[in-house]
Amino acid sequence: VSQFAKGAAINSQLTWGDVGAMKVSGRPV
């Protein structure tokens, strides 16, 4: 819901859940 207030900034569609699940060198962020 909070994404609607984020405007047009890059990554405005991402939540911490999305980012935390990303993997770098095989490990979740």
mmCIF file of all heavy atoms, coordinates in Angstrom:
data_MODEL
# 
_entry.id   MODEL 
# 
loop_
_atom_site.group_PDB 
_atom_site.id 
_atom_site.type_symbol 
_atom_site.label_atom_id 
_atom_site.label_alt_id 
_atom_site.label_comp_id 
_atom_site.label_asym_id 
_atom_site.label_entity_id 
_atom_site.label_seq_id 
_atom_site.pdbx_PDB_ins_code 
_atom_site.Cartn_x 
_atom_site.Cartn_y 
_atom_site.Cartn_z 
_atom_site.occupancy 
_atom_site.B_iso_or_equiv 
_atom_site.pdbx_formal_charge 
_atom_site.auth_seq_id 
_atom_site.auth_comp_id 
_atom_site.auth_asym_id 
_atom_site.auth_atom_id 
_atom_site.pdbx_PDB_model_num 
ATOM 1   N N   . VAL A 1 1  ? 0.834  -1.205  0.000   1.00 0.00 ? 1  VAL A N   1 
ATOM 2   C CA  . VAL A 1 1  ? 0.000  0.000   0.000   1.00 0.00 ? 1  VAL A CA  1 
ATOM 3   C C   . VAL A 1 1  ? 0.865  1.249   0.000   1.00 0.00 ? 1  VAL A C   1 
ATOM 4   O O   . VAL A 1 1  ? 0.582  2.233   -0.681  1.00 0.00 ? 1  VAL A O   1 
ATOM 5   C CB  . VAL A 1 1  ? -0.937 -0.001  1.222   1.00 0.00 ? 1  VAL A CB  1 
ATOM 6   C CG1 . VAL A 1 1  ? -1.644 1.348   1.351   1.00 0.00 ? 1  VAL A CG1 1 
ATOM 7   C CG2 . VAL A 1 1  ? -1.966 -1.121  1.096   1.00 0.00 ? 1  VAL A CG2 1 
ATOM 8   N N   . SER A 1 2  ? 1.974  1.199   0.761   1.00 0.00 ? 2  SER A N   1 
ATOM 9   C CA  . SER A 1 2  ? 2.844  2.380   0.861   1.00 0.00 ? 2  SER A CA  1 
ATOM 10  C C   . SER A 1 2  ? 3.510  2.724   -0.455  1.00 0.00 ? 2  SER A C   1 
ATOM 11  O O   . SER A 1 2  ? 3.987  3.842   -0.653  1.00 0.00 ? 2  SER A O   1 
ATOM 12  C CB  . SER A 1 2  ? 3.919  2.156   1.932   1.00 0.00 ? 2  SER A CB  1 
ATOM 13  O OG  . SER A 1 2  ? 4.875  1.205   1.498   1.00 0.00 ? 2  SER A OG  1 
ATOM 14  N N   . GLN A 1 3  ? 3.537  1.790   -1.402  1.00 0.00 ? 3  GLN A N   1 
ATOM 15  C CA  . GLN A 1 3  ? 4.158  2.067   -2.696  1.00 0.00 ? 3  GLN A CA  1 
ATOM 16  C C   . GLN A 1 3  ? 3.454  3.194   -3.442  1.00 0.00 ? 3  GLN A C   1 
ATOM 17  O O   . GLN A 1 3  ? 4.075  3.905   -4.231  1.00 0.00 ? 3  GLN A O   1 
ATOM 18  C CB  . GLN A 1 3  ? 4.167  0.810   -3.560  1.00 0.00 ? 3  GLN A CB  1 
ATOM 19  C CG  . GLN A 1 3  ? 5.121  -0.259  -3.071  1.00 0.00 ? 3  GLN A CG  1 
ATOM 20  C CD  . GLN A 1 3  ? 5.025  -1.528  -3.897  1.00 0.00 ? 3  GLN A CD  1 
ATOM 21  O OE1 . GLN A 1 3  ? 4.315  -1.555  -4.892  1.00 0.00 ? 3  GLN A OE1 1 
ATOM 22  N NE2 . GLN A 1 3  ? 5.719  -2.556  -3.483  1.00 0.00 ? 3  GLN A NE2 1 
ATOM 23  N N   . PHE A 1 4  ? 2.166  3.383   -3.190  1.00 0.00 ? 4  PHE A N   1 
ATOM 24  C CA  . PHE A 1 4  ? 1.436  4.420   -3.891  1.00 0.00 ? 4  PHE A CA  1 
ATOM 25  C C   . PHE A 1 4  ? 1.952  5.815   -3.543  1.00 0.00 ? 4  PHE A C   1 
ATOM 26  O O   . PHE A 1 4  ? 1.744  6.764   -4.293  1.00 0.00 ? 4  PHE A O   1 
ATOM 27  C CB  . PHE A 1 4  ? -0.061 4.320   -3.569  1.00 0.00 ? 4  PHE A CB  1 
ATOM 28  C CG  . PHE A 1 4  ? -0.713 3.110   -4.182  1.00 0.00 ? 4  PHE A CG  1 
ATOM 29  C CD1 . PHE A 1 4  ? -0.980 1.993   -3.423  1.00 0.00 ? 4  PHE A CD1 1 
ATOM 30  C CD2 . PHE A 1 4  ? -1.046 3.082   -5.527  1.00 0.00 ? 4  PHE A CD2 1 
ATOM 31  C CE1 . PHE A 1 4  ? -1.571 0.864   -3.974  1.00 0.00 ? 4  PHE A CE1 1 
ATOM 32  C CE2 . PHE A 1 4  ? -1.634 1.961   -6.094  1.00 0.00 ? 4  PHE A CE2 1 
ATOM 33  C CZ  . PHE A 1 4  ? -1.904 0.851   -5.319  1.00 0.00 ? 4  PHE A CZ  1 
ATOM 34  N N   . ALA A 1 5  ? 2.611  5.933   -2.393  1.00 0.00 ? 5  ALA A N   1 
ATOM 35  C CA  . ALA A 1 5  ? 3.122  7.228   -1.961  1.00 0.00 ? 5  ALA A CA  1 
ATOM 36  C C   . ALA A 1 5  ? 4.573  7.448   -2.384  1.00 0.00 ? 5  ALA A C   1 
ATOM 37  O O   . ALA A 1 5  ? 5.166  8.471   -2.093  1.00 0.00 ? 5  ALA A O   1 
ATOM 38  C CB  . ALA A 1 5  ? 3.009  7.357   -0.436  1.00 0.00 ? 5  ALA A CB  1 
ATOM 39  N N   . LYS A 1 6  ? 5.157  6.506   -3.096  1.00 0.00 ? 6  LYS A N   1 
ATOM 40  C CA  . LYS A 1 6  ? 6.580  6.581   -3.397  1.00 0.00 ? 6  LYS A CA  1 
ATOM 41  C C   . LYS A 1 6  ? 6.918  7.395   -4.636  1.00 0.00 ? 6  LYS A C   1 
ATOM 42  O O   . LYS A 1 6  ? 8.070  7.740   -4.850  1.00 0.00 ? 6  LYS A O   1 
ATOM 43  C CB  . LYS A 1 6  ? 7.152  5.158   -3.550  1.00 0.00 ? 6  LYS A CB  1 
ATOM 44  C CG  . LYS A 1 6  ? 7.237  4.401   -2.238  1.00 0.00 ? 6  LYS A CG  1 
ATOM 45  C CD  . LYS A 1 6  ? 7.925  3.061   -2.440  1.00 0.00 ? 6  LYS A CD  1 
ATOM 46  C CE  . LYS A 1 6  ? 8.123  2.341   -1.117  1.00 0.00 ? 6  LYS A CE  1 
ATOM 47  N NZ  . LYS A 1 6  ? 8.816  1.049   -1.293  1.00 0.00 ? 6  LYS A NZ  1 
ATOM 48  N N   . GLY A 1 7  ? 5.945  7.667   -5.479  1.00 0.00 ? 7  GLY A N   1 
ATOM 49  C CA  . GLY A 1 7  ? 6.239  8.453   -6.655  1.00 0.00 ? 7  GLY A CA  1 
ATOM 50  C C   . GLY A 1 7  ? 6.997  7.667   -7.704  1.00 0.00 ? 7  GLY A C   1 
ATOM 51  O O   . GLY A 1 7  ? 6.911  6.445   -7.794  1.00 0.00 ? 7  GLY A O   1 
ATOM 52  N N   . ALA A 1 8  ? 7.781  8.396   -8.508  1.00 0.00 ? 8  ALA A N   1 
ATOM 53  C CA  . ALA A 1 8  ? 8.427  7.800   -9.677  1.00 0.00 ? 8  ALA A CA  1 
ATOM 54  C C   . ALA A 1 8  ? 9.884  7.435   -9.436  1.00 0.00 ? 8  ALA A C   1 
ATOM 55  O O   . ALA A 1 8  ? 10.614 7.183   -10.382 1.00 0.00 ? 8  ALA A O   1 
ATOM 56  C CB  . ALA A 1 8  ? 8.324  8.773   -10.849 1.00 0.00 ? 8  ALA A CB  1 
ATOM 57  N N   . ALA A 1 9  ? 10.337 7.399   -8.200  1.00 0.00 ? 9  ALA A N   1 
ATOM 58  C CA  . ALA A 1 9  ? 11.727 7.073   -7.916  1.00 0.00 ? 9  ALA A CA  1 
ATOM 59  C C   . ALA A 1 9  ? 12.046 5.651   -8.374  1.00 0.00 ? 9  ALA A C   1 
ATOM 60  O O   . ALA A 1 9  ? 11.189 4.771   -8.372  1.00 0.00 ? 9  ALA A O   1 
ATOM 61  C CB  . ALA A 1 9  ? 12.010 7.218   -6.420  1.00 0.00 ? 9  ALA A CB  1 
ATOM 62  N N   . ILE A 1 10 ? 13.317 5.420   -8.747  1.00 0.00 ? 10 ILE A N   1 
ATOM 63  C CA  . ILE A 1 10 ? 13.770 4.089   -9.122  1.00 0.00 ? 10 ILE A CA  1 
ATOM 64  C C   . ILE A 1 10 ? 13.548 3.134   -7.945  1.00 0.00 ? 10 ILE A C   1 
ATOM 65  O O   . ILE A 1 10 ? 13.757 3.489   -6.792  1.00 0.00 ? 10 ILE A O   1 
ATOM 66  C CB  . ILE A 1 10 ? 15.262 4.107   -9.501  1.00 0.00 ? 10 ILE A CB  1 
ATOM 67  C CG1 . ILE A 1 10 ? 15.528 5.120   -10.606 1.00 0.00 ? 10 ILE A CG1 1 
ATOM 68  C CG2 . ILE A 1 10 ? 15.731 2.716   -9.917  1.00 0.00 ? 10 ILE A CG2 1 
ATOM 69  C CD1 . ILE A 1 10 ? 14.795 4.862   -11.893 1.00 0.00 ? 10 ILE A CD1 1 
ATOM 70  N N   . ASN A 1 11 ? 13.116 1.916   -8.220  1.00 0.00 ? 11 ASN A N   1 
ATOM 71  C CA  . ASN A 1 11 ? 12.837 0.861   -7.227  1.00 0.00 ? 11 ASN A CA  1 
ATOM 72  C C   . ASN A 1 11 ? 11.582 1.131   -6.403  1.00 0.00 ? 11 ASN A C   1 
ATOM 73  O O   . ASN A 1 11 ? 11.380 0.496   -5.359  1.00 0.00 ? 11 ASN A O   1 
ATOM 74  C CB  . ASN A 1 11 ? 14.029 0.653   -6.275  1.00 0.00 ? 11 ASN A CB  1 
ATOM 75  C CG  . ASN A 1 11 ? 15.273 0.184   -6.987  1.00 0.00 ? 11 ASN A CG  1 
ATOM 76  O OD1 . ASN A 1 11 ? 15.203 -0.564  -7.953  1.00 0.00 ? 11 ASN A OD1 1 
ATOM 77  N ND2 . ASN A 1 11 ? 16.426 0.616   -6.503  1.00 0.00 ? 11 ASN A ND2 1 
ATOM 78  N N   . SER A 1 12 ? 10.721 2.039   -6.855  1.00 0.00 ? 12 SER A N   1 
ATOM 79  C CA  . SER A 1 12 ? 9.523  2.356   -6.066  1.00 0.00 ? 12 SER A CA  1 
ATOM 80  C C   . SER A 1 12 ? 8.596  1.154   -5.903  1.00 0.00 ? 12 SER A C   1 
ATOM 81  O O   . SER A 1 12 ? 7.768  1.116   -4.994  1.00 0.00 ? 12 SER A O   1 
ATOM 82  C CB  . SER A 1 12 ? 8.761  3.517   -6.709  1.00 0.00 ? 12 SER A CB  1 
ATOM 83  O OG  . SER A 1 12 ? 8.324  3.166   -8.012  1.00 0.00 ? 12 SER A OG  1 
ATOM 84  N N   . GLN A 1 13 ? 8.749  0.147   -6.774  1.00 0.00 ? 13 GLN A N   1 
ATOM 85  C CA  . GLN A 1 13 ? 7.885  -1.028  -6.704  1.00 0.00 ? 13 GLN A CA  1 
ATOM 86  C C   . GLN A 1 13 ? 8.389  -2.063  -5.715  1.00 0.00 ? 13 GLN A C   1 
ATOM 87  O O   . GLN A 1 13 ? 7.688  -3.044  -5.427  1.00 0.00 ? 13 GLN A O   1 
ATOM 88  C CB  . GLN A 1 13 ? 7.770  -1.677  -8.098  1.00 0.00 ? 13 GLN A CB  1 
ATOM 89  C CG  . GLN A 1 13 ? 8.940  -2.570  -8.506  1.00 0.00 ? 13 GLN A CG  1 
ATOM 90  C CD  . GLN A 1 13 ? 10.187 -1.806  -8.947  1.00 0.00 ? 13 GLN A CD  1 
ATOM 91  O OE1 . GLN A 1 13 ? 10.229 -0.570  -8.870  1.00 0.00 ? 13 GLN A OE1 1 
ATOM 92  N NE2 . GLN A 1 13 ? 11.186 -2.518  -9.432  1.00 0.00 ? 13 GLN A NE2 1 
ATOM 93  N N   . LEU A 1 14 ? 9.588  -1.863  -5.158  1.00 0.00 ? 14 LEU A N   1 
ATOM 94  C CA  . LEU A 1 14 ? 10.195 -2.882  -4.299  1.00 0.00 ? 14 LEU A CA  1 
ATOM 95  C C   . LEU A 1 14 ? 9.880  -2.660  -2.825  1.00 0.00 ? 14 LEU A C   1 
ATOM 96  O O   . LEU A 1 14 ? 9.909  -1.527  -2.331  1.00 0.00 ? 14 LEU A O   1 
ATOM 97  C CB  . LEU A 1 14 ? 11.719 -2.887  -4.481  1.00 0.00 ? 14 LEU A CB  1 
ATOM 98  C CG  . LEU A 1 14 ? 12.244 -3.260  -5.868  1.00 0.00 ? 14 LEU A CG  1 
ATOM 99  C CD1 . LEU A 1 14 ? 13.767 -3.170  -5.894  1.00 0.00 ? 14 LEU A CD1 1 
ATOM 100 C CD2 . LEU A 1 14 ? 11.778 -4.657  -6.279  1.00 0.00 ? 14 LEU A CD2 1 
ATOM 101 N N   . THR A 1 15 ? 9.599  -3.738  -2.104  1.00 0.00 ? 15 THR A N   1 
ATOM 102 C CA  . THR A 1 15 ? 9.479  -3.716  -0.652  1.00 0.00 ? 15 THR A CA  1 
ATOM 103 C C   . THR A 1 15 ? 10.736 -4.345  -0.059  1.00 0.00 ? 15 THR A C   1 
ATOM 104 O O   . THR A 1 15 ? 11.537 -4.960  -0.773  1.00 0.00 ? 15 THR A O   1 
ATOM 105 C CB  . THR A 1 15 ? 8.254  -4.520  -0.183  1.00 0.00 ? 15 THR A CB  1 
ATOM 106 O OG1 . THR A 1 15 ? 8.485  -5.911  -0.454  1.00 0.00 ? 15 THR A OG1 1 
ATOM 107 C CG2 . THR A 1 15 ? 6.990  -4.055  -0.895  1.00 0.00 ? 15 THR A CG2 1 
ATOM 108 N N   . TRP A 1 16 ? 10.882 -4.244  1.266   1.00 0.00 ? 16 TRP A N   1 
ATOM 109 C CA  . TRP A 1 16 ? 12.016 -4.918  1.892   1.00 0.00 ? 16 TRP A CA  1 
ATOM 110 C C   . TRP A 1 16 ? 11.933 -6.425  1.690   1.00 0.00 ? 16 TRP A C   1 
ATOM 111 O O   . TRP A 1 16 ? 12.940 -7.109  1.521   1.00 0.00 ? 16 TRP A O   1 
ATOM 112 C CB  . TRP A 1 16 ? 12.107 -4.601  3.378   1.00 0.00 ? 16 TRP A CB  1 
ATOM 113 C CG  . TRP A 1 16 ? 13.025 -5.568  4.089   1.00 0.00 ? 16 TRP A CG  1 
ATOM 114 C CD1 . TRP A 1 16 ? 12.697 -6.481  5.044   1.00 0.00 ? 16 TRP A CD1 1 
ATOM 115 C CD2 . TRP A 1 16 ? 14.425 -5.764  3.832   1.00 0.00 ? 16 TRP A CD2 1 
ATOM 116 N NE1 . TRP A 1 16 ? 13.794 -7.235  5.408   1.00 0.00 ? 16 TRP A NE1 1 
ATOM 117 C CE2 . TRP A 1 16 ? 14.867 -6.809  4.678   1.00 0.00 ? 16 TRP A CE2 1 
ATOM 118 C CE3 . TRP A 1 16 ? 15.347 -5.171  2.966   1.00 0.00 ? 16 TRP A CE3 1 
ATOM 119 C CZ2 . TRP A 1 16 ? 16.193 -7.266  4.688   1.00 0.00 ? 16 TRP A CZ2 1 
ATOM 120 C CZ3 . TRP A 1 16 ? 16.659 -5.613  2.974   1.00 0.00 ? 16 TRP A CZ3 1 
ATOM 121 C CH2 . TRP A 1 16 ? 17.079 -6.650  3.834   1.00 0.00 ? 16 TRP A CH2 1 
ATOM 122 N N   . GLY A 1 17 ? 10.720 -6.966  1.674   1.00 0.00 ? 17 GLY A N   1 
ATOM 123 C CA  . GLY A 1 17 ? 10.578 -8.393  1.419   1.00 0.00 ? 17 GLY A CA  1 
ATOM 124 C C   . GLY A 1 17 ? 11.175 -8.787  0.074   1.00 0.00 ? 17 GLY A C   1 
ATOM 125 O O   . GLY A 1 17 ? 11.834 -9.818  -0.042  1.00 0.00 ? 17 GLY A O   1 
ATOM 126 N N   . ASP A 1 18 ? 10.940 -7.929  -0.937  1.00 0.00 ? 18 ASP A N   1 
ATOM 127 C CA  . ASP A 1 18 ? 11.505 -8.188  -2.263  1.00 0.00 ? 18 ASP A CA  1 
ATOM 128 C C   . ASP A 1 18 ? 13.031 -8.118  -2.236  1.00 0.00 ? 18 ASP A C   1 
ATOM 129 O O   . ASP A 1 18 ? 13.727 -8.998  -2.746  1.00 0.00 ? 18 ASP A O   1 
ATOM 130 C CB  . ASP A 1 18 ? 10.990 -7.162  -3.280  1.00 0.00 ? 18 ASP A CB  1 
ATOM 131 C CG  . ASP A 1 18 ? 9.491  -7.191  -3.453  1.00 0.00 ? 18 ASP A CG  1 
ATOM 132 O OD1 . ASP A 1 18 ? 8.910  -8.287  -3.407  1.00 0.00 ? 18 ASP A OD1 1 
ATOM 133 O OD2 . ASP A 1 18 ? 8.898  -6.104  -3.631  1.00 0.00 ? 18 ASP A OD2 1 
ATOM 134 N N   . VAL A 1 19 ? 13.550 -7.039  -1.622  1.00 0.00 ? 19 VAL A N   1 
ATOM 135 C CA  . VAL A 1 19 ? 14.993 -6.806  -1.618  1.00 0.00 ? 19 VAL A CA  1 
ATOM 136 C C   . VAL A 1 19 ? 15.703 -7.847  -0.748  1.00 0.00 ? 19 VAL A C   1 
ATOM 137 O O   . VAL A 1 19 ? 16.744 -8.383  -1.120  1.00 0.00 ? 19 VAL A O   1 
ATOM 138 C CB  . VAL A 1 19 ? 15.318 -5.382  -1.139  1.00 0.00 ? 19 VAL A CB  1 
ATOM 139 C CG1 . VAL A 1 19 ? 16.824 -5.170  -1.029  1.00 0.00 ? 19 VAL A CG1 1 
ATOM 140 C CG2 . VAL A 1 19 ? 14.705 -4.351  -2.086  1.00 0.00 ? 19 VAL A CG2 1 
ATOM 141 N N   . GLY A 1 20 ? 15.133 -8.142  0.410   1.00 0.00 ? 20 GLY A N   1 
ATOM 142 C CA  . GLY A 1 20 ? 15.761 -9.110  1.306   1.00 0.00 ? 20 GLY A CA  1 
ATOM 143 C C   . GLY A 1 20 ? 15.890 -10.486 0.707   1.00 0.00 ? 20 GLY A C   1 
ATOM 144 O O   . GLY A 1 20 ? 16.811 -11.239 1.043   1.00 0.00 ? 20 GLY A O   1 
ATOM 145 N N   . ALA A 1 21 ? 14.989 -10.829 -0.208  1.00 0.00 ? 21 ALA A N   1 
ATOM 146 C CA  . ALA A 1 21 ? 15.020 -12.143 -0.851  1.00 0.00 ? 21 ALA A CA  1 
ATOM 147 C C   . ALA A 1 21 ? 15.995 -12.205 -2.022  1.00 0.00 ? 21 ALA A C   1 
ATOM 148 O O   . ALA A 1 21 ? 16.305 -13.297 -2.510  1.00 0.00 ? 21 ALA A O   1 
ATOM 149 C CB  . ALA A 1 21 ? 13.617 -12.517 -1.330  1.00 0.00 ? 21 ALA A CB  1 
ATOM 150 N N   . MET A 1 22 ? 16.478 -11.047 -2.483  1.00 0.00 ? 22 MET A N   1 
ATOM 151 C CA  . MET A 1 22 ? 17.467 -11.049 -3.565  1.00 0.00 ? 22 MET A CA  1 
ATOM 152 C C   . MET A 1 22 ? 18.736 -11.748 -3.092  1.00 0.00 ? 22 MET A C   1 
ATOM 153 O O   . MET A 1 22 ? 19.056 -11.740 -1.901  1.00 0.00 ? 22 MET A O   1 
ATOM 154 C CB  . MET A 1 22 ? 17.802 -9.613  -3.990  1.00 0.00 ? 22 MET A CB  1 
ATOM 155 C CG  . MET A 1 22 ? 16.670 -8.875  -4.647  1.00 0.00 ? 22 MET A CG  1 
ATOM 156 S SD  . MET A 1 22 ? 17.126 -7.164  -5.051  1.00 0.00 ? 22 MET A SD  1 
ATOM 157 C CE  . MET A 1 22 ? 15.612 -6.581  -5.793  1.00 0.00 ? 22 MET A CE  1 
ATOM 158 N N   . LYS A 1 23 ? 19.449 -12.361 -4.027  1.00 0.00 ? 23 LYS A N   1 
ATOM 159 C CA  . LYS A 1 23 ? 20.672 -13.082 -3.657  1.00 0.00 ? 23 LYS A CA  1 
ATOM 160 C C   . LYS A 1 23 ? 21.896 -12.444 -4.301  1.00 0.00 ? 23 LYS A C   1 
ATOM 161 O O   . LYS A 1 23 ? 21.870 -12.060 -5.471  1.00 0.00 ? 23 LYS A O   1 
ATOM 162 C CB  . LYS A 1 23 ? 20.572 -14.548 -4.047  1.00 0.00 ? 23 LYS A CB  1 
ATOM 163 C CG  . LYS A 1 23 ? 19.552 -15.324 -3.209  1.00 0.00 ? 23 LYS A CG  1 
ATOM 164 C CD  . LYS A 1 23 ? 19.604 -16.815 -3.496  1.00 0.00 ? 23 LYS A CD  1 
ATOM 165 C CE  . LYS A 1 23 ? 18.647 -17.566 -2.584  1.00 0.00 ? 23 LYS A CE  1 
ATOM 166 N NZ  . LYS A 1 23 ? 18.692 -19.028 -2.823  1.00 0.00 ? 23 LYS A NZ  1 
ATOM 167 N N   . VAL A 1 24 ? 22.963 -12.324 -3.508  1.00 0.00 ? 24 VAL A N   1 
ATOM 168 C CA  . VAL A 1 24 ? 24.262 -11.860 -3.981  1.00 0.00 ? 24 VAL A CA  1 
ATOM 169 C C   . VAL A 1 24 ? 25.274 -12.917 -3.574  1.00 0.00 ? 24 VAL A C   1 
ATOM 170 O O   . VAL A 1 24 ? 25.345 -13.288 -2.396  1.00 0.00 ? 24 VAL A O   1 
ATOM 171 C CB  . VAL A 1 24 ? 24.631 -10.494 -3.372  1.00 0.00 ? 24 VAL A CB  1 
ATOM 172 C CG1 . VAL A 1 24 ? 26.028 -10.075 -3.826  1.00 0.00 ? 24 VAL A CG1 1 
ATOM 173 C CG2 . VAL A 1 24 ? 23.611 -9.437  -3.773  1.00 0.00 ? 24 VAL A CG2 1 
ATOM 174 N N   . SER A 1 25 ? 26.022 -13.408 -4.533  1.00 0.00 ? 25 SER A N   1 
ATOM 175 C CA  . SER A 1 25 ? 26.978 -14.500 -4.292  1.00 0.00 ? 25 SER A CA  1 
ATOM 176 C C   . SER A 1 25 ? 26.304 -15.682 -3.607  1.00 0.00 ? 25 SER A C   1 
ATOM 177 O O   . SER A 1 25 ? 26.878 -16.323 -2.719  1.00 0.00 ? 25 SER A O   1 
ATOM 178 C CB  . SER A 1 25 ? 28.158 -14.003 -3.445  1.00 0.00 ? 25 SER A CB  1 
ATOM 179 O OG  . SER A 1 25 ? 28.852 -12.974 -4.113  1.00 0.00 ? 25 SER A OG  1 
ATOM 180 N N   . GLY A 1 26 ? 25.053 -15.935 -3.975  1.00 0.00 ? 26 GLY A N   1 
ATOM 181 C CA  . GLY A 1 26 ? 24.327 -17.090 -3.467  1.00 0.00 ? 26 GLY A CA  1 
ATOM 182 C C   . GLY A 1 26 ? 23.673 -16.904 -2.116  1.00 0.00 ? 26 GLY A C   1 
ATOM 183 O O   . GLY A 1 26 ? 23.036 -17.834 -1.609  1.00 0.00 ? 26 GLY A O   1 
ATOM 184 N N   . ARG A 1 27 ? 23.790 -15.721 -1.512  1.00 0.00 ? 27 ARG A N   1 
ATOM 185 C CA  . ARG A 1 27 ? 23.239 -15.489 -0.184  1.00 0.00 ? 27 ARG A CA  1 
ATOM 186 C C   . ARG A 1 27 ? 22.129 -14.447 -0.235  1.00 0.00 ? 27 ARG A C   1 
ATOM 187 O O   . ARG A 1 27 ? 22.279 -13.420 -0.901  1.00 0.00 ? 27 ARG A O   1 
ATOM 188 C CB  . ARG A 1 27 ? 24.331 -15.013 0.772   1.00 0.00 ? 27 ARG A CB  1 
ATOM 189 C CG  . ARG A 1 27 ? 25.441 -16.023 1.001   1.00 0.00 ? 27 ARG A CG  1 
ATOM 190 C CD  . ARG A 1 27 ? 26.428 -15.463 2.013   1.00 0.00 ? 27 ARG A CD  1 
ATOM 191 N NE  . ARG A 1 27 ? 27.492 -16.407 2.322   1.00 0.00 ? 27 ARG A NE  1 
ATOM 192 C CZ  . ARG A 1 27 ? 28.641 -16.459 1.680   1.00 0.00 ? 27 ARG A CZ  1 
ATOM 193 N NH1 . ARG A 1 27 ? 28.888 -15.632 0.682   1.00 0.00 ? 27 ARG A NH1 1 
ATOM 194 N NH2 . ARG A 1 27 ? 29.569 -17.345 2.015   1.00 0.00 ? 27 ARG A NH2 1 
ATOM 195 N N   . PRO A 1 28 ? 21.021 -14.652 0.494   1.00 0.00 ? 28 PRO A N   1 
ATOM 196 C CA  . PRO A 1 28 ? 19.962 -13.645 0.537   1.00 0.00 ? 28 PRO A CA  1 
ATOM 197 C C   . PRO A 1 28 ? 20.475 -12.340 1.142   1.00 0.00 ? 28 PRO A C   1 
ATOM 198 O O   . PRO A 1 28 ? 21.238 -12.348 2.104   1.00 0.00 ? 28 PRO A O   1 
ATOM 199 C CB  . PRO A 1 28 ? 18.896 -14.285 1.441   1.00 0.00 ? 28 PRO A CB  1 
ATOM 200 C CG  . PRO A 1 28 ? 19.197 -15.742 1.429   1.00 0.00 ? 28 PRO A CG  1 
ATOM 201 C CD  . PRO A 1 28 ? 20.688 -15.859 1.289   1.00 0.00 ? 28 PRO A CD  1 
ATOM 202 N N   . VAL A 1 29 ? 20.055 -11.236 0.580   1.00 0.00 ? 29 VAL A N   1 
ATOM 203 C CA  . VAL A 1 29 ? 20.469 -9.914  1.075   1.00 0.00 ? 29 VAL A CA  1 
ATOM 204 C C   . VAL A 1 29 ? 20.082 -9.733  2.536   1.00 0.00 ? 29 VAL A C   1 
ATOM 205 O O   . VAL A 1 29 ? 20.807 -9.092  3.302   1.00 0.00 ? 29 VAL A O   1 
ATOM 206 C CB  . VAL A 1 29 ? 19.844 -8.814  0.190   1.00 0.00 ? 29 VAL A CB  1 
ATOM 207 C CG1 . VAL A 1 29 ? 20.028 -7.435  0.814   1.00 0.00 ? 29 VAL A CG1 1 
ATOM 208 C CG2 . VAL A 1 29 ? 20.458 -8.852  -1.200  1.00 0.00 ? 29 VAL A CG2 1 
# 
